[in-house]
PDB file of N, CA and C in Angstrom:
ATOM      1  N   MET A   1     153.067 202.381 117.532  1.00  0.00           N
ATOM      2  CA  MET A   1     151.669 202.073 117.388  1.00  0.00           C
ATOM      3  C   MET A   1     151.320 202.094 115.905  1.00  0.00           C
ATOM      4  N   ASN A   2     150.617 201.077 115.444  1.00  0.00           N
ATOM      5  CA  ASN A   2     150.114 201.045 114.074  1.00  0.00           C
ATOM      6  C   ASN A   2     148.789 201.783 114.007  1.00  0.00           C
ATOM      7  N   VAL A   3     148.653 202.638 113.000  1.00  0.00           N
ATOM      8  CA  VAL A   3     147.422 203.418 112.844  1.00  0.00           C
ATOM      9  C   VAL A   3     147.003 203.429 111.386  1.00  0.00           C
ATOM     10  N   VAL A   4     145.730 203.736 111.171  1.00  0.00           N
ATOM     11  CA  VAL A   4     145.215 203.953 109.824  1.00  0.00           C
ATOM     12  C   VAL A   4     144.659 205.365 109.760  1.00  0.00           C
ATOM     13  N   GLY A   5     144.721 205.948 108.573  1.00  0.00           N
ATOM     14  CA  GLY A   5     144.162 207.272 108.351  1.00  0.00           C
ATOM     15  C   GLY A   5     142.932 207.178 107.486  1.00  0.00           C
ATOM     16  N   TYR A   6     142.150 208.229 107.532  1.00  0.00           N
ATOM     17  CA  TYR A   6     140.917 208.275 106.754  1.00  0.00           C
ATOM     18  C   TYR A   6     140.758 209.685 106.207  1.00  0.00           C
ATOM     19  N   ILE A   7     140.612 209.803 104.886  1.00  0.00           N
ATOM     20  CA  ILE A   7     140.476 211.117 104.264  1.00  0.00           C
ATOM     21  C   ILE A   7     139.237 211.157 103.393  1.00  0.00           C
ATOM     22  N   ARG A   8     138.635 212.352 103.317  1.00  0.00           N
ATOM     23  CA  ARG A   8     137.458 212.542 102.476  1.00  0.00           C
ATOM     24  C   ARG A   8     137.165 214.034 102.391  1.00  0.00           C
ATOM     25  N   VAL A   9     136.395 214.415 101.405  1.00  0.00           N
ATOM     26  CA  VAL A   9     135.848 215.769 101.334  1.00  0.00           C
ATOM     27  C   VAL A   9     134.334 215.650 101.247  1.00  0.00           C
ATOM     28  N   SER A  10     133.653 216.613 101.844  1.00  0.00           N
ATOM     29  CA  SER A  10     132.189 216.591 101.840  1.00  0.00           C
ATOM     30  C   SER A  10     131.611 217.256 100.612  1.00  0.00           C
ATOM     31  N   THR A  11     132.304 218.287 100.137  1.00  0.00           N
ATOM     32  CA  THR A  11     131.761 219.082  99.034  1.00  0.00           C
ATOM     33  C   THR A  11     132.848 219.423  98.035  1.00  0.00           C
ATOM     34  N   GLN A  12     132.435 219.831  96.863  1.00  0.00           N
ATOM     35  CA  GLN A  12     133.389 220.280  95.853  1.00  0.00           C
ATOM     36  C   GLN A  12     134.129 221.514  96.360  1.00  0.00           C
ATOM     37  N   GLY A  13     133.450 222.350  97.134  1.00  0.00           N
ATOM     38  CA  GLY A  13     134.082 223.540  97.697  1.00  0.00           C
ATOM     39  C   GLY A  13     135.268 223.196  98.576  1.00  0.00           C
ATOM     40  N   GLN A  14     135.130 222.182  99.406  1.00  0.00           N
ATOM     41  CA  GLN A  14     136.251 221.757 100.243  1.00  0.00           C
ATOM     42  C   GLN A  14     137.417 221.295  99.386  1.00  0.00           C
ATOM     43  N   ALA A  15     137.127 220.590  98.329  1.00  0.00           N
ATOM     44  CA  ALA A  15     138.185 220.094  97.452  1.00  0.00           C
ATOM     45  C   ALA A  15     138.953 221.249  96.827  1.00  0.00           C
ATOM     46  N   LYS A  16     138.247 222.348  96.524  1.00  0.00           N
ATOM     47  CA  LYS A  16     138.881 223.500  95.886  1.00  0.00           C
ATOM     48  C   LYS A  16     139.506 224.463  96.888  1.00  0.00           C
ATOM     49  N   ASP A  17     139.044 224.473  98.128  1.00  0.00           N
ATOM     50  CA  ASP A  17     139.469 225.461  99.115  1.00  0.00           C
ATOM     51  C   ASP A  17     140.670 225.022  99.942  1.00  0.00           C
ATOM     52  N   GLY A  18     141.535 224.199  99.386  1.00  0.00           N
ATOM     53  CA  GLY A  18     142.757 223.832 100.085  1.00  0.00           C
ATOM     54  C   GLY A  18     142.623 222.674 101.051  1.00  0.00           C
ATOM     55  N   TYR A  19     141.501 222.008 101.045  1.00  0.00           N
ATOM     56  CA  TYR A  19     141.317 220.872 101.937  1.00  0.00           C
ATOM     57  C   TYR A  19     141.182 219.598 101.117  1.00  0.00           C
ATOM     58  N   SER A  20     142.021 219.491 100.103  1.00  0.00           N
ATOM     59  CA  SER A  20     141.972 218.371  99.167  1.00  0.00           C
ATOM     60  C   SER A  20     142.385 217.067  99.846  1.00  0.00           C
ATOM     61  N   LEU A  21     142.128 215.970  99.165  1.00  0.00           N
ATOM     62  CA  LEU A  21     142.550 214.669  99.679  1.00  0.00           C
ATOM     63  C   LEU A  21     144.062 214.620  99.847  1.00  0.00           C
ATOM     64  N   LYS A  22     144.787 215.176  98.885  1.00  0.00           N
ATOM     65  CA  LYS A  22     146.257 215.192  98.972  1.00  0.00           C
ATOM     66  C   LYS A  22     146.717 215.962 100.211  1.00  0.00           C
ATOM     67  N   TYR A  23     146.122 217.118 100.457  1.00  0.00           N
ATOM     68  CA  TYR A  23     146.468 217.912 101.638  1.00  0.00           C
ATOM     69  C   TYR A  23     146.208 217.112 102.919  1.00  0.00           C
ATOM     70  N   GLN A  24     145.056 216.471 102.997  1.00  0.00           N
ATOM     71  CA  GLN A  24     144.716 215.690 104.183  1.00  0.00           C
ATOM     72  C   GLN A  24     145.699 214.539 104.389  1.00  0.00           C
ATOM     73  N   GLU A  25     146.058 213.876 103.294  1.00  0.00           N
ATOM     74  CA  GLU A  25     147.012 212.768 103.394  1.00  0.00           C
ATOM     75  C   GLU A  25     148.354 213.260 103.930  1.00  0.00           C
ATOM     76  N   GLU A  26     148.825 214.385 103.422  1.00  0.00           N
ATOM     77  CA  GLU A  26     150.095 214.951 103.888  1.00  0.00           C
ATOM     78  C   GLU A  26     150.024 215.320 105.370  1.00  0.00           C
ATOM     79  N   GLU A  27     148.897 215.871 105.797  1.00  0.00           N
ATOM     80  CA  GLU A  27     148.719 216.240 107.201  1.00  0.00           C
ATOM     81  C   GLU A  27     148.719 215.007 108.102  1.00  0.00           C
ATOM     82  N   ILE A  28     148.058 213.958 107.671  1.00  0.00           N
ATOM     83  CA  ILE A  28     148.031 212.716 108.453  1.00  0.00           C
ATOM     84  C   ILE A  28     149.434 212.131 108.557  1.00  0.00           C
ATOM     85  N   GLN A  29     150.159 212.101 107.445  1.00  0.00           N
ATOM     86  CA  GLN A  29     151.519 211.571 107.462  1.00  0.00           C
ATOM     87  C   GLN A  29     152.409 212.367 108.412  1.00  0.00           C
ATOM     88  N   ALA A  30     152.317 213.693 108.354  1.00  0.00           N
ATOM     89  CA  ALA A  30     153.124 214.546 109.228  1.00  0.00           C
ATOM     90  C   ALA A  30     152.763 214.323 110.699  1.00  0.00           C
ATOM     91  N   TYR A  31     151.483 214.211 110.989  1.00  0.00           N
ATOM     92  CA  TYR A  31     151.024 213.993 112.362  1.00  0.00           C
ATOM     93  C   TYR A  31     151.552 212.667 112.901  1.00  0.00           C
ATOM     94  N   CYS A  32     151.485 211.637 112.078  1.00  0.00           N
ATOM     95  CA  CYS A  32     151.974 210.320 112.498  1.00  0.00           C
ATOM     96  C   CYS A  32     153.480 210.344 112.737  1.00  0.00           C
ATOM     97  N   GLU A  33     154.210 210.992 111.841  1.00  0.00           N
ATOM     98  CA  GLU A  33     155.660 211.107 112.023  1.00  0.00           C
ATOM     99  C   GLU A  33     155.979 211.840 113.322  1.00  0.00           C
ATOM    100  N   LYS A  34     155.279 212.932 113.582  1.00  0.00           N
ATOM    101  CA  LYS A  34     155.499 213.732 114.787  1.00  0.00           C
ATOM    102  C   LYS A  34     155.293 212.908 116.055  1.00  0.00           C
ATOM    103  N   HIS A  35     154.326 212.011 116.033  1.00  0.00           N
ATOM    104  CA  HIS A  35     154.002 211.212 117.211  1.00  0.00           C
ATOM    105  C   HIS A  35     154.652 209.828 117.210  1.00  0.00           C
ATOM    106  N   GLY A  36     155.444 209.537 116.184  1.00  0.00           N
ATOM    107  CA  GLY A  36     156.134 208.253 116.123  1.00  0.00           C
ATOM    108  C   GLY A  36     155.225 207.080 115.820  1.00  0.00           C
ATOM    109  N   TRP A  37     154.115 207.348 115.153  1.00  0.00           N
ATOM    110  CA  TRP A  37     153.158 206.301 114.815  1.00  0.00           C
ATOM    111  C   TRP A  37     153.479 205.704 113.457  1.00  0.00           C
ATOM    112  N   ASN A  38     153.205 204.418 113.292  1.00  0.00           N
ATOM    113  CA  ASN A  38     153.409 203.720 112.032  1.00  0.00           C
ATOM    114  C   ASN A  38     152.103 203.737 111.239  1.00  0.00           C
ATOM    115  N   LEU A  39     152.048 204.572 110.224  1.00  0.00           N
ATOM    116  CA  LEU A  39     150.850 204.689 109.386  1.00  0.00           C
ATOM    117  C   LEU A  39     150.854 203.541 108.389  1.00  0.00           C
ATOM    118  N   ILE A  40     149.917 202.610 108.547  1.00  0.00           N
ATOM    119  CA  ILE A  40     149.927 201.425 107.691  1.00  0.00           C
ATOM    120  C   ILE A  40     148.961 201.520 106.519  1.00  0.00           C
ATOM    121  N   HIS A  41     148.010 202.454 106.584  1.00  0.00           N
ATOM    122  CA  HIS A  41     147.048 202.563 105.488  1.00  0.00           C
ATOM    123  C   HIS A  41     146.269 203.863 105.616  1.00  0.00           C
ATOM    124  N   ILE A  42     145.943 204.457 104.470  1.00  0.00           N
ATOM    125  CA  ILE A  42     145.029 205.595 104.445  1.00  0.00           C
ATOM    126  C   ILE A  42     143.873 205.225 103.535  1.00  0.00           C
ATOM    127  N   SER A  43     142.679 205.195 104.098  1.00  0.00           N
ATOM    128  CA  SER A  43     141.471 204.958 103.310  1.00  0.00           C
ATOM    129  C   SER A  43     140.960 206.296 102.816  1.00  0.00           C
ATOM    130  N   SER A  44     140.444 206.294 101.599  1.00  0.00           N
ATOM    131  CA  SER A  44     139.889 207.540 101.076  1.00  0.00           C
ATOM    132  C   SER A  44     138.630 207.249 100.278  1.00  0.00           C
ATOM    133  N   TYR A  45     137.821 208.252 100.215  1.00  0.00           N
ATOM    134  CA  TYR A  45     136.623 208.204  99.394  1.00  0.00           C
ATOM    135  C   TYR A  45     136.739 209.350  98.421  1.00  0.00           C
ATOM    136  N   LYS A  46     136.917 209.039  97.139  1.00  0.00           N
ATOM    137  CA  LYS A  46     137.258 210.050  96.153  1.00  0.00           C
ATOM    138  C   LYS A  46     136.063 210.826  95.605  1.00  0.00           C
ATOM    139  N   LYS A  47     134.861 210.368  95.885  1.00  0.00           N
ATOM    140  CA  LYS A  47     133.684 211.154  95.527  1.00  0.00           C
ATOM    141  C   LYS A  47     133.374 212.059  96.709  1.00  0.00           C
ATOM    142  N   PHE A  48     132.393 212.904  96.563  1.00  0.00           N
ATOM    143  CA  PHE A  48     132.027 213.753  97.686  1.00  0.00           C
ATOM    144  C   PHE A  48     131.335 212.913  98.736  1.00  0.00           C
ATOM    145  N   PHE A  49     131.725 213.108  99.964  1.00  0.00           N
ATOM    146  CA  PHE A  49     131.298 212.243 101.053  1.00  0.00           C
ATOM    147  C   PHE A  49     129.792 212.279 101.263  1.00  0.00           C
ATOM    148  N   ALA A  50     129.157 213.347 100.870  1.00  0.00           N
ATOM    149  CA  ALA A  50     127.706 213.430 101.025  1.00  0.00           C
ATOM    150  C   ALA A  50     126.992 212.338 100.231  1.00  0.00           C
ATOM    151  N   GLU A  51     127.706 211.708  99.289  1.00  0.00           N
ATOM    152  CA  GLU A  51     127.108 210.645  98.492  1.00  0.00           C
ATOM    153  C   GLU A  51     127.060 209.313  99.236  1.00  0.00           C
ATOM    154  N   VAL A  52     127.768 209.200 100.351  1.00  0.00           N
ATOM    155  CA  VAL A  52     127.785 207.960 101.115  1.00  0.00           C
ATOM    156  C   VAL A  52     126.559 207.932 102.018  1.00  0.00           C
ATOM    157  N   ASP A  53     125.798 206.848 101.949  1.00  0.00           N
ATOM    158  CA  ASP A  53     124.629 206.718 102.825  1.00  0.00           C
ATOM    159  C   ASP A  53     125.056 206.847 104.281  1.00  0.00           C
ATOM    160  N   GLY A  54     124.354 207.652 105.030  1.00  0.00           N
ATOM    161  CA  GLY A  54     124.659 207.824 106.444  1.00  0.00           C
ATOM    162  C   GLY A  54     125.569 208.997 106.724  1.00  0.00           C
ATOM    163  N   LYS A  55     126.358 209.393 105.742  1.00  0.00           N
ATOM    164  CA  LYS A  55     127.230 210.560 105.835  1.00  0.00           C
ATOM    165  C   LYS A  55     128.164 210.525 107.036  1.00  0.00           C
ATOM    166  N   THR A  56     128.643 209.362 107.402  1.00  0.00           N
ATOM    167  CA  THR A  56     129.585 209.251 108.506  1.00  0.00           C
ATOM    168  C   THR A  56     130.725 208.337 108.104  1.00  0.00           C
ATOM    169  N   ALA A  57     131.816 208.447 108.823  1.00  0.00           N
ATOM    170  CA  ALA A  57     132.938 207.547 108.575  1.00  0.00           C
ATOM    171  C   ALA A  57     132.526 206.101 108.814  1.00  0.00           C
ATOM    172  N   LEU A  58     131.656 205.890 109.774  1.00  0.00           N
ATOM    173  CA  LEU A  58     131.196 204.530 110.047  1.00  0.00           C
ATOM    174  C   LEU A  58     130.473 203.954 108.839  1.00  0.00           C
ATOM    175  N   ALA A  59     129.655 204.766 108.194  1.00  0.00           N
ATOM    176  CA  ALA A  59     128.960 204.307 106.991  1.00  0.00           C
ATOM    177  C   ALA A  59     129.965 203.936 105.913  1.00  0.00           C
ATOM    178  N   PHE A  60     131.029 204.708 105.809  1.00  0.00           N
ATOM    179  CA  PHE A  60     132.065 204.407 104.827  1.00  0.00           C
ATOM    180  C   PHE A  60     132.681 203.039 105.120  1.00  0.00           C
ATOM    181  N   TRP A  61     133.079 202.805 106.351  1.00  0.00           N
ATOM    182  CA  TRP A  61     133.732 201.545 106.700  1.00  0.00           C
ATOM    183  C   TRP A  61     132.795 200.358 106.523  1.00  0.00           C
ATOM    184  N   GLU A  62     131.509 200.558 106.768  1.00  0.00           N
ATOM    185  CA  GLU A  62     130.563 199.468 106.565  1.00  0.00           C
ATOM    186  C   GLU A  62     130.379 199.170 105.086  1.00  0.00           C
ATOM    187  N   ARG A  63     130.392 200.213 104.271  1.00  0.00           N
ATOM    188  CA  ARG A  63     130.133 200.044 102.840  1.00  0.00           C
ATOM    189  C   ARG A  63     131.371 199.602 102.065  1.00  0.00           C
ATOM    190  N   TYR A  64     132.532 200.097 102.455  1.00  0.00           N
ATOM    191  CA  TYR A  64     133.778 199.786 101.751  1.00  0.00           C
ATOM    192  C   TYR A  64     134.687 199.032 102.707  1.00  0.00           C
ATOM    193  N   PRO A  65     134.851 197.741 102.508  1.00  0.00           N
ATOM    194  CA  PRO A  65     135.605 196.916 103.452  1.00  0.00           C
ATOM    195  C   PRO A  65     137.023 197.428 103.683  1.00  0.00           C
ATOM    196  N   SER A  66     137.494 197.208 104.897  1.00  0.00           N
ATOM    197  CA  SER A  66     138.844 197.617 105.261  1.00  0.00           C
ATOM    198  C   SER A  66     139.863 196.659 104.654  1.00  0.00           C
ATOM    199  N   PRO A  67     141.130 197.087 104.607  1.00  0.00           N
ATOM    200  CA  PRO A  67     142.182 196.199 104.089  1.00  0.00           C
ATOM    201  C   PRO A  67     142.265 194.920 104.919  1.00  0.00           C
ATOM    202  N   SER A  68     142.804 193.883 104.337  1.00  0.00           N
ATOM    203  CA  SER A  68     142.819 192.576 104.998  1.00  0.00           C
ATOM    204  C   SER A  68     143.529 192.613 106.348  1.00  0.00           C
ATOM    205  N   TYR A  69     144.539 193.461 106.511  1.00  0.00           N
ATOM    206  CA  TYR A  69     145.259 193.478 107.780  1.00  0.00           C
ATOM    207  C   TYR A  69     144.467 194.161 108.890  1.00  0.00           C
ATOM    208  N   LEU A  70     143.295 194.690 108.567  1.00  0.00           N
ATOM    209  CA  LEU A  70     142.415 195.242 109.592  1.00  0.00           C
ATOM    210  C   LEU A  70     141.233 194.319 109.877  1.00  0.00           C
ATOM    211  N   GLU A  71     141.206 193.171 109.231  1.00  0.00           N
ATOM    212  CA  GLU A  71     140.120 192.235 109.480  1.00  0.00           C
ATOM    213  C   GLU A  71     140.099 191.880 110.960  1.00  0.00           C
ATOM    214  N   GLY A  72     138.928 191.732 111.473  1.00  0.00           N
ATOM    215  CA  GLY A  72     138.784 191.435 112.886  1.00  0.00           C
ATOM    216  C   GLY A  72     138.475 192.670 113.712  1.00  0.00           C
ATOM    217  N   VAL A  73     138.625 193.862 113.114  1.00  0.00           N
ATOM    218  CA  VAL A  73     138.235 195.083 113.810  1.00  0.00           C
ATOM    219  C   VAL A  73     136.723 195.178 113.715  1.00  0.00           C
ATOM    220  N   ARG A  74     136.083 195.190 114.853  1.00  0.00           N
ATOM    221  CA  ARG A  74     134.625 195.180 114.886  1.00  0.00           C
ATOM    222  C   ARG A  74     134.055 196.585 114.730  1.00  0.00           C
ATOM    223  N   ILE A  75     132.836 196.659 114.226  1.00  0.00           N
ATOM    224  CA  ILE A  75     132.161 197.942 114.043  1.00  0.00           C
ATOM    225  C   ILE A  75     132.066 198.693 115.366  1.00  0.00           C
ATOM    226  N   ASP A  76     131.795 197.991 116.464  1.00  0.00           N
ATOM    227  CA  ASP A  76     131.686 198.692 117.753  1.00  0.00           C
ATOM    228  C   ASP A  76     133.025 199.287 118.172  1.00  0.00           C
ATOM    229  N   GLU A  77     134.130 198.671 117.767  1.00  0.00           N
ATOM    230  CA  GLU A  77     135.443 199.239 118.056  1.00  0.00           C
ATOM    231  C   GLU A  77     135.664 200.513 117.252  1.00  0.00           C
ATOM    232  N   LEU A  78     135.267 200.499 115.982  1.00  0.00           N
ATOM    233  CA  LEU A  78     135.379 201.711 115.169  1.00  0.00           C
ATOM    234  C   LEU A  78     134.481 202.809 115.717  1.00  0.00           C
ATOM    235  N   THR A  79     133.281 202.451 116.119  1.00  0.00           N
ATOM    236  CA  THR A  79     132.323 203.422 116.629  1.00  0.00           C
ATOM    237  C   THR A  79     132.880 204.168 117.836  1.00  0.00           C
ATOM    238  N   ALA A  80     133.664 203.498 118.643  1.00  0.00           N
ATOM    239  CA  ALA A  80     134.229 204.133 119.832  1.00  0.00           C
ATOM    240  C   ALA A  80     135.148 205.294 119.482  1.00  0.00           C
ATOM    241  N   PHE A  81     135.688 205.295 118.262  1.00  0.00           N
ATOM    242  CA  PHE A  81     136.628 206.335 117.860  1.00  0.00           C
ATOM    243  C   PHE A  81     136.022 207.353 116.917  1.00  0.00           C
ATOM    244  N   LEU A  82     134.794 207.149 116.482  1.00  0.00           N
ATOM    245  CA  LEU A  82     134.175 208.041 115.500  1.00  0.00           C
ATOM    246  C   LEU A  82     133.171 208.963 116.149  1.00  0.00           C
TER     247      LEU A  82
END
């Protein structure tokens, strides 16, 4: 199964308290390997997530377009998983 990952931090505290973007990326990679999933992309937001209007992953995907190989994925499809 092809999957995409999504990483972000909400606050500077999370970034400092061991929940960094790098840590999240490593956890996603390990999880995908464990389940035999093909991780094709990890989206990240390098600023604090509270800066994104709406403060949800859906707001992120609406504001920052997905990679071209995810074109055709509709917002309602993403909403079902968020």
